[in-house]
Amino acid sequence: MNKYKKLGVGLLLDALGFVSFIIPGVGEFSDIIWAPISGWLMTKLYAGKAGKIAGVIAFVEEALPGFDVIPTFTLMWFYTYVFKKEESKLKT
């Protein structure tokens, strides 16, 4: 998948996570469903060890009350395509 399409998907998934934060009462129940889905989707978008770690972080972030405002998918995109890319350039 193109990295910019992956960014768009990540922004959409982060927005879905925000929806549960906006709706009081319903949000906590929807997090029970959304947290494992979010973690699984993260592992499918980003392969390898980093994707698995991000999947666990996404699950925990969505499962804990009040942390839904963290844009986990967008942060992972920046880690993968901005910070990690710069890190690999420094090594060579």
PDB file of N, CA and C in Angstrom:
ATOM      1  N   MET A   1       0.848  -1.174   0.000  1.00  0.00           N
ATOM      2  CA  MET A   1       0.000   0.000   0.000  1.00  0.00           C
ATOM      3  C   MET A   1       0.898   1.243   0.000  1.00  0.00           C
ATOM      4  N   ASN A   2       0.541   2.204  -0.803  1.00  0.00           N
ATOM      5  CA  ASN A   2       1.232   3.483  -0.891  1.00  0.00           C
ATOM      6  C   ASN A   2       1.284   4.137   0.497  1.00  0.00           C
ATOM      7  N   LYS A   3       2.406   4.766   0.822  1.00  0.00           N
ATOM      8  CA  LYS A   3       2.544   5.326   2.165  1.00  0.00           C
ATOM      9  C   LYS A   3       1.530   6.434   2.439  1.00  0.00           C
ATOM     10  N   TYR A   4       1.103   7.160   1.425  1.00  0.00           N
ATOM     11  CA  TYR A   4       0.116   8.216   1.648  1.00  0.00           C
ATOM     12  C   TYR A   4      -1.295   7.650   1.793  1.00  0.00           C
ATOM     13  N   LYS A   5      -1.573   6.546   1.135  1.00  0.00           N
ATOM     14  CA  LYS A   5      -2.839   5.855   1.367  1.00  0.00           C
ATOM     15  C   LYS A   5      -2.869   5.309   2.790  1.00  0.00           C
ATOM     16  N   LYS A   6      -1.728   4.799   3.232  1.00  0.00           N
ATOM     17  CA  LYS A   6      -1.627   4.280   4.593  1.00  0.00           C
ATOM     18  C   LYS A   6      -1.839   5.408   5.608  1.00  0.00           C
ATOM     19  N   LEU A   7      -1.342   6.598   5.296  1.00  0.00           N
ATOM     20  CA  LEU A   7      -1.577   7.755   6.166  1.00  0.00           C
ATOM     21  C   LEU A   7      -3.068   8.087   6.209  1.00  0.00           C
ATOM     22  N   GLY A   8      -3.727   8.076   5.062  1.00  0.00           N
ATOM     23  CA  GLY A   8      -5.160   8.348   5.008  1.00  0.00           C
ATOM     24  C   GLY A   8      -5.966   7.340   5.807  1.00  0.00           C
ATOM     25  N   VAL A   9      -5.619   6.068   5.667  1.00  0.00           N
ATOM     26  CA  VAL A   9      -6.301   5.013   6.426  1.00  0.00           C
ATOM     27  C   VAL A   9      -6.056   5.227   7.918  1.00  0.00           C
ATOM     28  N   GLY A  10      -4.830   5.571   8.272  1.00  0.00           N
ATOM     29  CA  GLY A  10      -4.499   5.816   9.675  1.00  0.00           C
ATOM     30  C   GLY A  10      -5.277   6.983  10.256  1.00  0.00           C
ATOM     31  N   LEU A  11      -5.396   8.057   9.487  1.00  0.00           N
ATOM     32  CA  LEU A  11      -6.174   9.209   9.946  1.00  0.00           C
ATOM     33  C   LEU A  11      -7.639   8.834  10.142  1.00  0.00           C
ATOM     34  N   LEU A  12      -8.167   8.036   9.234  1.00  0.00           N
ATOM     35  CA  LEU A  12      -9.556   7.584   9.347  1.00  0.00           C
ATOM     36  C   LEU A  12      -9.740   6.709  10.595  1.00  0.00           C
ATOM     37  N   LEU A  13      -8.807   5.800  10.821  1.00  0.00           N
ATOM     38  CA  LEU A  13      -8.909   4.918  11.984  1.00  0.00           C
ATOM     39  C   LEU A  13      -8.738   5.694  13.291  1.00  0.00           C
ATOM     40  N   ASP A  14      -7.867   6.692  13.296  1.00  0.00           N
ATOM     41  CA  ASP A  14      -7.741   7.548  14.478  1.00  0.00           C
ATOM     42  C   ASP A  14      -9.036   8.323  14.723  1.00  0.00           C
ATOM     43  N   ALA A  15      -9.666   8.775  13.654  1.00  0.00           N
ATOM     44  CA  ALA A  15     -10.943   9.491  13.780  1.00  0.00           C
ATOM     45  C   ALA A  15     -12.016   8.566  14.367  1.00  0.00           C
ATOM     46  N   LEU A  16     -12.026   7.305  13.957  1.00  0.00           N
ATOM     47  CA  LEU A  16     -12.977   6.348  14.533  1.00  0.00           C
ATOM     48  C   LEU A  16     -12.737   6.170  16.030  1.00  0.00           C
ATOM     49  N   GLY A  17     -11.480   6.183  16.424  1.00  0.00           N
ATOM     50  CA  GLY A  17     -11.150   6.091  17.846  1.00  0.00           C
ATOM     51  C   GLY A  17     -11.621   7.319  18.615  1.00  0.00           C
ATOM     52  N   PHE A  18     -11.574   8.490  17.983  1.00  0.00           N
ATOM     53  CA  PHE A  18     -12.041   9.719  18.624  1.00  0.00           C
ATOM     54  C   PHE A  18     -13.552   9.704  18.826  1.00  0.00           C
ATOM     55  N   VAL A  19     -14.283   9.086  17.918  1.00  0.00           N
ATOM     56  CA  VAL A  19     -15.746   9.062  18.011  1.00  0.00           C
ATOM     57  C   VAL A  19     -16.185   8.440  19.332  1.00  0.00           C
ATOM     58  N   SER A  20     -15.525   7.384  19.732  1.00  0.00           N
ATOM     59  CA  SER A  20     -15.901   6.746  20.987  1.00  0.00           C
ATOM     60  C   SER A  20     -15.613   7.656  22.180  1.00  0.00           C
ATOM     61  N   PHE A  21     -14.663   8.555  22.049  1.00  0.00           N
ATOM     62  CA  PHE A  21     -14.334   9.493  23.124  1.00  0.00           C
ATOM     63  C   PHE A  21     -15.376  10.601  23.210  1.00  0.00           C
ATOM     64  N   ILE A  22     -15.965  10.964  22.088  1.00  0.00           N
ATOM     65  CA  ILE A  22     -16.912  12.079  22.020  1.00  0.00           C
ATOM     66  C   ILE A  22     -18.275  11.711  22.609  1.00  0.00           C
ATOM     67  N   ILE A  23     -18.704  10.477  22.410  1.00  0.00           N
ATOM     68  CA  ILE A  23     -20.038  10.063  22.847  1.00  0.00           C
ATOM     69  C   ILE A  23     -19.960   9.481  24.263  1.00  0.00           C
ATOM     70  N   PRO A  24     -20.397  10.250  25.282  1.00  0.00           N
ATOM     71  CA  PRO A  24     -20.330   9.744  26.665  1.00  0.00           C
ATOM     72  C   PRO A  24     -21.245   8.537  26.870  1.00  0.00           C
ATOM     73  N   GLY A  25     -20.796   7.611  27.667  1.00  0.00           N
ATOM     74  CA  GLY A  25     -21.589   6.416  27.960  1.00  0.00           C
ATOM     75  C   GLY A  25     -21.448   5.353  26.895  1.00  0.00           C
ATOM     76  N   VAL A  26     -21.717   5.696  25.656  1.00  0.00           N
ATOM     77  CA  VAL A  26     -21.603   4.757  24.545  1.00  0.00           C
ATOM     78  C   VAL A  26     -20.132   4.491  24.242  1.00  0.00           C
ATOM     79  N   GLY A  27     -19.314   5.516  24.438  1.00  0.00           N
ATOM     80  CA  GLY A  27     -17.891   5.417  24.112  1.00  0.00           C
ATOM     81  C   GLY A  27     -17.170   4.311  24.844  1.00  0.00           C
ATOM     82  N   GLU A  28     -17.453   4.172  26.138  1.00  0.00           N
ATOM     83  CA  GLU A  28     -16.766   3.140  26.920  1.00  0.00           C
ATOM     84  C   GLU A  28     -17.129   1.747  26.424  1.00  0.00           C
ATOM     85  N   PHE A  29     -18.388   1.539  26.059  1.00  0.00           N
ATOM     86  CA  PHE A  29     -18.809   0.239  25.539  1.00  0.00           C
ATOM     87  C   PHE A  29     -18.178  -0.030  24.172  1.00  0.00           C
ATOM     88  N   SER A  30     -18.142   0.992  23.333  1.00  0.00           N
ATOM     89  CA  SER A  30     -17.573   0.793  21.995  1.00  0.00           C
ATOM     90  C   SER A  30     -16.075   0.523  22.053  1.00  0.00           C
ATOM     91  N   ASP A  31     -15.407   1.027  23.096  1.00  0.00           N
ATOM     92  CA  ASP A  31     -13.972   0.758  23.243  1.00  0.00           C
ATOM     93  C   ASP A  31     -13.696  -0.720  23.472  1.00  0.00           C
ATOM     94  N   ILE A  32     -14.618  -1.415  24.101  1.00  0.00           N
ATOM     95  CA  ILE A  32     -14.451  -2.851  24.326  1.00  0.00           C
ATOM     96  C   ILE A  32     -14.373  -3.581  22.987  1.00  0.00           C
ATOM     97  N   ILE A  33     -15.126  -3.099  22.034  1.00  0.00           N
ATOM     98  CA  ILE A  33     -15.132  -3.700  20.694  1.00  0.00           C
ATOM     99  C   ILE A  33     -13.986  -3.146  19.851  1.00  0.00           C
ATOM    100  N   TRP A  34     -13.762  -1.832  19.931  1.00  0.00           N
ATOM    101  CA  TRP A  34     -12.787  -1.173  19.058  1.00  0.00           C
ATOM    102  C   TRP A  34     -11.331  -1.481  19.432  1.00  0.00           C
ATOM    103  N   ALA A  35     -11.030  -1.653  20.709  1.00  0.00           N
ATOM    104  CA  ALA A  35      -9.642  -1.861  21.142  1.00  0.00           C
ATOM    105  C   ALA A  35      -8.977  -3.068  20.463  1.00  0.00           C
ATOM    106  N   PRO A  36      -9.571  -4.259  20.472  1.00  0.00           N
ATOM    107  CA  PRO A  36      -8.901  -5.378  19.798  1.00  0.00           C
ATOM    108  C   PRO A  36      -8.860  -5.219  18.277  1.00  0.00           C
ATOM    109  N   ILE A  37      -9.893  -4.598  17.724  1.00  0.00           N
ATOM    110  CA  ILE A  37      -9.901  -4.367  16.272  1.00  0.00           C
ATOM    111  C   ILE A  37      -8.783  -3.405  15.902  1.00  0.00           C
ATOM    112  N   SER A  38      -8.625  -2.363  16.703  1.00  0.00           N
ATOM    113  CA  SER A  38      -7.579  -1.371  16.469  1.00  0.00           C
ATOM    114  C   SER A  38      -6.190  -2.010  16.517  1.00  0.00           C
ATOM    115  N   GLY A  39      -5.957  -2.829  17.527  1.00  0.00           N
ATOM    116  CA  GLY A  39      -4.674  -3.515  17.637  1.00  0.00           C
ATOM    117  C   GLY A  39      -4.403  -4.430  16.457  1.00  0.00           C
ATOM    118  N   TRP A  40      -5.423  -5.168  16.040  1.00  0.00           N
ATOM    119  CA  TRP A  40      -5.270  -6.087  14.909  1.00  0.00           C
ATOM    120  C   TRP A  40      -4.989  -5.320  13.620  1.00  0.00           C
ATOM    121  N   LEU A  41      -5.741  -4.229  13.398  1.00  0.00           N
ATOM    122  CA  LEU A  41      -5.523  -3.428  12.190  1.00  0.00           C
ATOM    123  C   LEU A  41      -4.118  -2.839  12.147  1.00  0.00           C
ATOM    124  N   MET A  42      -3.612  -2.446  13.301  1.00  0.00           N
ATOM    125  CA  MET A  42      -2.256  -1.887  13.348  1.00  0.00           C
ATOM    126  C   MET A  42      -1.238  -2.939  12.897  1.00  0.00           C
ATOM    127  N   THR A  43      -1.411  -4.173  13.340  1.00  0.00           N
ATOM    128  CA  THR A  43      -0.459  -5.218  12.939  1.00  0.00           C
ATOM    129  C   THR A  43      -0.573  -5.535  11.450  1.00  0.00           C
ATOM    130  N   LYS A  44      -1.737  -5.318  10.858  1.00  0.00           N
ATOM    131  CA  LYS A  44      -1.905  -5.560   9.427  1.00  0.00           C
ATOM    132  C   LYS A  44      -1.343  -4.402   8.590  1.00  0.00           C
ATOM    133  N   LEU A  45      -1.413  -3.194   9.106  1.00  0.00           N
ATOM    134  CA  LEU A  45      -0.877  -2.039   8.367  1.00  0.00           C
ATOM    135  C   LEU A  45       0.647  -1.982   8.421  1.00  0.00           C
ATOM    136  N   TYR A  46       1.225  -2.400   9.549  1.00  0.00           N
ATOM    137  CA  TYR A  46       2.669  -2.309   9.735  1.00  0.00           C
ATOM    138  C   TYR A  46       3.215  -3.676  10.138  1.00  0.00           C
ATOM    139  N   ALA A  47       4.007  -4.239   9.268  1.00  0.00           N
ATOM    140  CA  ALA A  47       4.522  -5.594   9.479  1.00  0.00           C
ATOM    141  C   ALA A  47       5.704  -5.592  10.441  1.00  0.00           C
ATOM    142  N   GLY A  48       6.039  -6.765  10.897  1.00  0.00           N
ATOM    143  CA  GLY A  48       7.235  -6.959  11.693  1.00  0.00           C
ATOM    144  C   GLY A  48       7.062  -6.641  13.164  1.00  0.00           C
ATOM    145  N   LYS A  49       8.200  -6.570  13.826  1.00  0.00           N
ATOM    146  CA  LYS A  49       8.220  -6.334  15.273  1.00  0.00           C
ATOM    147  C   LYS A  49       7.598  -4.986  15.629  1.00  0.00           C
ATOM    148  N   ALA A  50       7.899  -3.957  14.857  1.00  0.00           N
ATOM    149  CA  ALA A  50       7.353  -2.621  15.132  1.00  0.00           C
ATOM    150  C   ALA A  50       5.830  -2.631  15.029  1.00  0.00           C
ATOM    151  N   GLY A  51       5.278  -3.344  14.064  1.00  0.00           N
ATOM    152  CA  GLY A  51       3.836  -3.444  13.915  1.00  0.00           C
ATOM    153  C   GLY A  51       3.176  -4.171  15.073  1.00  0.00           C
ATOM    154  N   LYS A  52       3.839  -5.217  15.565  1.00  0.00           N
ATOM    155  CA  LYS A  52       3.292  -5.957  16.705  1.00  0.00           C
ATOM    156  C   LYS A  52       3.304  -5.098  17.970  1.00  0.00           C
ATOM    157  N   ILE A  53       4.389  -4.389  18.183  1.00  0.00           N
ATOM    158  CA  ILE A  53       4.473  -3.507  19.347  1.00  0.00           C
ATOM    159  C   ILE A  53       3.427  -2.400  19.239  1.00  0.00           C
ATOM    160  N   ALA A  54       3.297  -1.820  18.059  1.00  0.00           N
ATOM    161  CA  ALA A  54       2.299  -0.766  17.842  1.00  0.00           C
ATOM    162  C   ALA A  54       0.888  -1.311  18.018  1.00  0.00           C
ATOM    163  N   GLY A  55       0.652  -2.557  17.645  1.00  0.00           N
ATOM    164  CA  GLY A  55      -0.651  -3.180  17.840  1.00  0.00           C
ATOM    165  C   GLY A  55      -1.015  -3.288  19.308  1.00  0.00           C
ATOM    166  N   VAL A  56      -0.044  -3.679  20.115  1.00  0.00           N
ATOM    167  CA  VAL A  56      -0.279  -3.757  21.561  1.00  0.00           C
ATOM    168  C   VAL A  56      -0.544  -2.365  22.128  1.00  0.00           C
ATOM    169  N   ILE A  57       0.247  -1.394  21.691  1.00  0.00           N
ATOM    170  CA  ILE A  57       0.054  -0.018  22.158  1.00  0.00           C
ATOM    171  C   ILE A  57      -1.320   0.499  21.744  1.00  0.00           C
ATOM    172  N   ALA A  58      -1.727   0.232  20.510  1.00  0.00           N
ATOM    173  CA  ALA A  58      -3.037   0.671  20.034  1.00  0.00           C
ATOM    174  C   ALA A  58      -4.150   0.024  20.854  1.00  0.00           C
ATOM    175  N   PHE A  59      -4.003  -1.255  21.153  1.00  0.00           N
ATOM    176  CA  PHE A  59      -5.006  -1.945  21.969  1.00  0.00           C
ATOM    177  C   PHE A  59      -5.117  -1.312  23.347  1.00  0.00           C
ATOM    178  N   VAL A  60      -3.992  -1.126  23.994  1.00  0.00           N
ATOM    179  CA  VAL A  60      -3.989  -0.562  25.349  1.00  0.00           C
ATOM    180  C   VAL A  60      -4.522   0.865  25.340  1.00  0.00           C
ATOM    181  N   GLU A  61      -4.098   1.655  24.375  1.00  0.00           N
ATOM    182  CA  GLU A  61      -4.541   3.050  24.275  1.00  0.00           C
ATOM    183  C   GLU A  61      -6.046   3.153  24.101  1.00  0.00           C
ATOM    184  N   GLU A  62      -6.626   2.278  23.316  1.00  0.00           N
ATOM    185  CA  GLU A  62      -8.071   2.306  23.105  1.00  0.00           C
ATOM    186  C   GLU A  62      -8.826   1.691  24.284  1.00  0.00           C
ATOM    187  N   ALA A  63      -8.227   0.751  24.973  1.00  0.00           N
ATOM    188  CA  ALA A  63      -8.905   0.085  26.081  1.00  0.00           C
ATOM    189  C   ALA A  63      -8.947   0.957  27.337  1.00  0.00           C
ATOM    190  N   LEU A  64      -7.931   1.773  27.549  1.00  0.00           N
ATOM    191  CA  LEU A  64      -7.900   2.621  28.734  1.00  0.00           C
ATOM    192  C   LEU A  64      -8.781   3.851  28.541  1.00  0.00           C
ATOM    193  N   PRO A  65      -9.578   4.182  29.524  1.00  0.00           N
ATOM    194  CA  PRO A  65     -10.433   5.366  29.401  1.00  0.00           C
ATOM    195  C   PRO A  65      -9.616   6.652  29.390  1.00  0.00           C
ATOM    196  N   GLY A  66     -10.001   7.581  28.510  1.00  0.00           N
ATOM    197  CA  GLY A  66      -9.356   8.884  28.452  1.00  0.00           C
ATOM    198  C   GLY A  66      -8.175   8.993  27.508  1.00  0.00           C
ATOM    199  N   PHE A  67      -7.695   7.890  26.984  1.00  0.00           N
ATOM    200  CA  PHE A  67      -6.527   7.916  26.104  1.00  0.00           C
ATOM    201  C   PHE A  67      -6.897   7.885  24.620  1.00  0.00           C
ATOM    202  N   ASP A  68      -8.181   7.934  24.313  1.00  0.00           N
ATOM    203  CA  ASP A  68      -8.639   7.851  22.923  1.00  0.00           C
ATOM    204  C   ASP A  68      -8.161   9.021  22.069  1.00  0.00           C
ATOM    205  N   VAL A  69      -7.733  10.101  22.698  1.00  0.00           N
ATOM    206  CA  VAL A  69      -7.312  11.287  21.940  1.00  0.00           C
ATOM    207  C   VAL A  69      -5.932  11.124  21.308  1.00  0.00           C
ATOM    208  N   ILE A  70      -5.208  10.085  21.672  1.00  0.00           N
ATOM    209  CA  ILE A  70      -3.871   9.857  21.111  1.00  0.00           C
ATOM    210  C   ILE A  70      -4.015   9.254  19.713  1.00  0.00           C
ATOM    211  N   PRO A  71      -3.461   9.913  18.700  1.00  0.00           N
ATOM    212  CA  PRO A  71      -3.583   9.395  17.314  1.00  0.00           C
ATOM    213  C   PRO A  71      -2.534   8.320  17.020  1.00  0.00           C
ATOM    214  N   THR A  72      -2.748   7.131  17.528  1.00  0.00           N
ATOM    215  CA  THR A  72      -1.766   6.048  17.467  1.00  0.00           C
ATOM    216  C   THR A  72      -1.380   5.674  16.035  1.00  0.00           C
ATOM    217  N   PHE A  73      -2.362   5.557  15.144  1.00  0.00           N
ATOM    218  CA  PHE A  73      -2.064   5.172  13.764  1.00  0.00           C
ATOM    219  C   PHE A  73      -1.222   6.240  13.067  1.00  0.00           C
ATOM    220  N   THR A  74      -1.529   7.506  13.313  1.00  0.00           N
ATOM    221  CA  THR A  74      -0.773   8.599  12.697  1.00  0.00           C
ATOM    222  C   THR A  74       0.639   8.655  13.265  1.00  0.00           C
ATOM    223  N   LEU A  75       0.776   8.456  14.552  1.00  0.00           N
ATOM    224  CA  LEU A  75       2.112   8.448  15.160  1.00  0.00           C
ATOM    225  C   LEU A  75       2.962   7.308  14.608  1.00  0.00           C
ATOM    226  N   MET A  76       2.349   6.146  14.399  1.00  0.00           N
ATOM    227  CA  MET A  76       3.077   5.012  13.828  1.00  0.00           C
ATOM    228  C   MET A  76       3.507   5.311  12.401  1.00  0.00           C
ATOM    229  N   TRP A  77       2.662   6.002  11.646  1.00  0.00           N
ATOM    230  CA  TRP A  77       3.028   6.378  10.278  1.00  0.00           C
ATOM    231  C   TRP A  77       4.255   7.291  10.304  1.00  0.00           C
ATOM    232  N   PHE A  78       4.234   8.290  11.183  1.00  0.00           N
ATOM    233  CA  PHE A  78       5.382   9.187  11.290  1.00  0.00           C
ATOM    234  C   PHE A  78       6.633   8.434  11.728  1.00  0.00           C
ATOM    235  N   TYR A  79       6.480   7.506  12.667  1.00  0.00           N
ATOM    236  CA  TYR A  79       7.626   6.711  13.089  1.00  0.00           C
ATOM    237  C   TYR A  79       8.198   5.926  11.915  1.00  0.00           C
ATOM    238  N   THR A  80       7.332   5.294  11.143  1.00  0.00           N
ATOM    239  CA  THR A  80       7.766   4.432  10.042  1.00  0.00           C
ATOM    240  C   THR A  80       8.369   5.207   8.878  1.00  0.00           C
ATOM    241  N   TYR A  81       7.708   6.294   8.468  1.00  0.00           N
ATOM    242  CA  TYR A  81       8.101   6.970   7.229  1.00  0.00           C
ATOM    243  C   TYR A  81       8.888   8.262   7.420  1.00  0.00           C
ATOM    244  N   VAL A  82       8.966   8.783   8.625  1.00  0.00           N
ATOM    245  CA  VAL A  82       9.723  10.013   8.850  1.00  0.00           C
ATOM    246  C   VAL A  82      10.911   9.746   9.774  1.00  0.00           C
ATOM    247  N   PHE A  83      10.643   9.315  11.008  1.00  0.00           N
ATOM    248  CA  PHE A  83      11.720   9.152  11.984  1.00  0.00           C
ATOM    249  C   PHE A  83      12.616   7.962  11.679  1.00  0.00           C
ATOM    250  N   LYS A  84      12.047   6.825  11.370  1.00  0.00           N
ATOM    251  CA  LYS A  84      12.833   5.629  11.074  1.00  0.00           C
ATOM    252  C   LYS A  84      13.634   5.819   9.784  1.00  0.00           C
ATOM    253  N   LYS A  85      13.065   6.526   8.821  1.00  0.00           N
ATOM    254  CA  LYS A  85      13.750   6.805   7.558  1.00  0.00           C
ATOM    255  C   LYS A  85      14.987   7.667   7.811  1.00  0.00           C
ATOM    256  N   GLU A  86      14.843   8.688   8.667  1.00  0.00           N
ATOM    257  CA  GLU A  86      15.980   9.540   8.998  1.00  0.00           C
ATOM    258  C   GLU A  86      17.050   8.754   9.745  1.00  0.00           C
ATOM    259  N   GLU A  87      16.611   7.856  10.634  1.00  0.00           N
ATOM    260  CA  GLU A  87      17.532   7.040  11.406  1.00  0.00           C
ATOM    261  C   GLU A  87      18.367   6.145  10.477  1.00  0.00           C
ATOM    262  N   SER A  88      17.748   5.558   9.459  1.00  0.00           N
ATOM    263  CA  SER A  88      18.468   4.679   8.545  1.00  0.00           C
ATOM    264  C   SER A  88      19.442   5.489   7.673  1.00  0.00           C
ATOM    265  N   LYS A  89      19.113   6.732   7.377  1.00  0.00           N
ATOM    266  CA  LYS A  89      20.033   7.585   6.599  1.00  0.00           C
ATOM    267  C   LYS A  89      21.265   7.915   7.425  1.00  0.00           C
ATOM    268  N   LEU A  90      21.107   8.101   8.730  1.00  0.00           N
ATOM    269  CA  LEU A  90      22.225   8.429   9.591  1.00  0.00           C
ATOM    270  C   LEU A  90      23.203   7.266   9.732  1.00  0.00           C
ATOM    271  N   LYS A  91      22.711   6.039   9.657  1.00  0.00           N
ATOM    272  CA  LYS A  91      23.556   4.857   9.788  1.00  0.00           C
ATOM    273  C   LYS A  91      24.451   4.636   8.596  1.00  0.00           C
ATOM    274  N   THR A  92      24.042   5.099   7.401  1.00  0.00           N
ATOM    275  CA  THR A  92      24.825   4.843   6.202  1.00  0.00           C
ATOM    276  C   THR A  92      25.837   5.916   5.937  1.00  0.00           C
TER     277      THR A  92
END
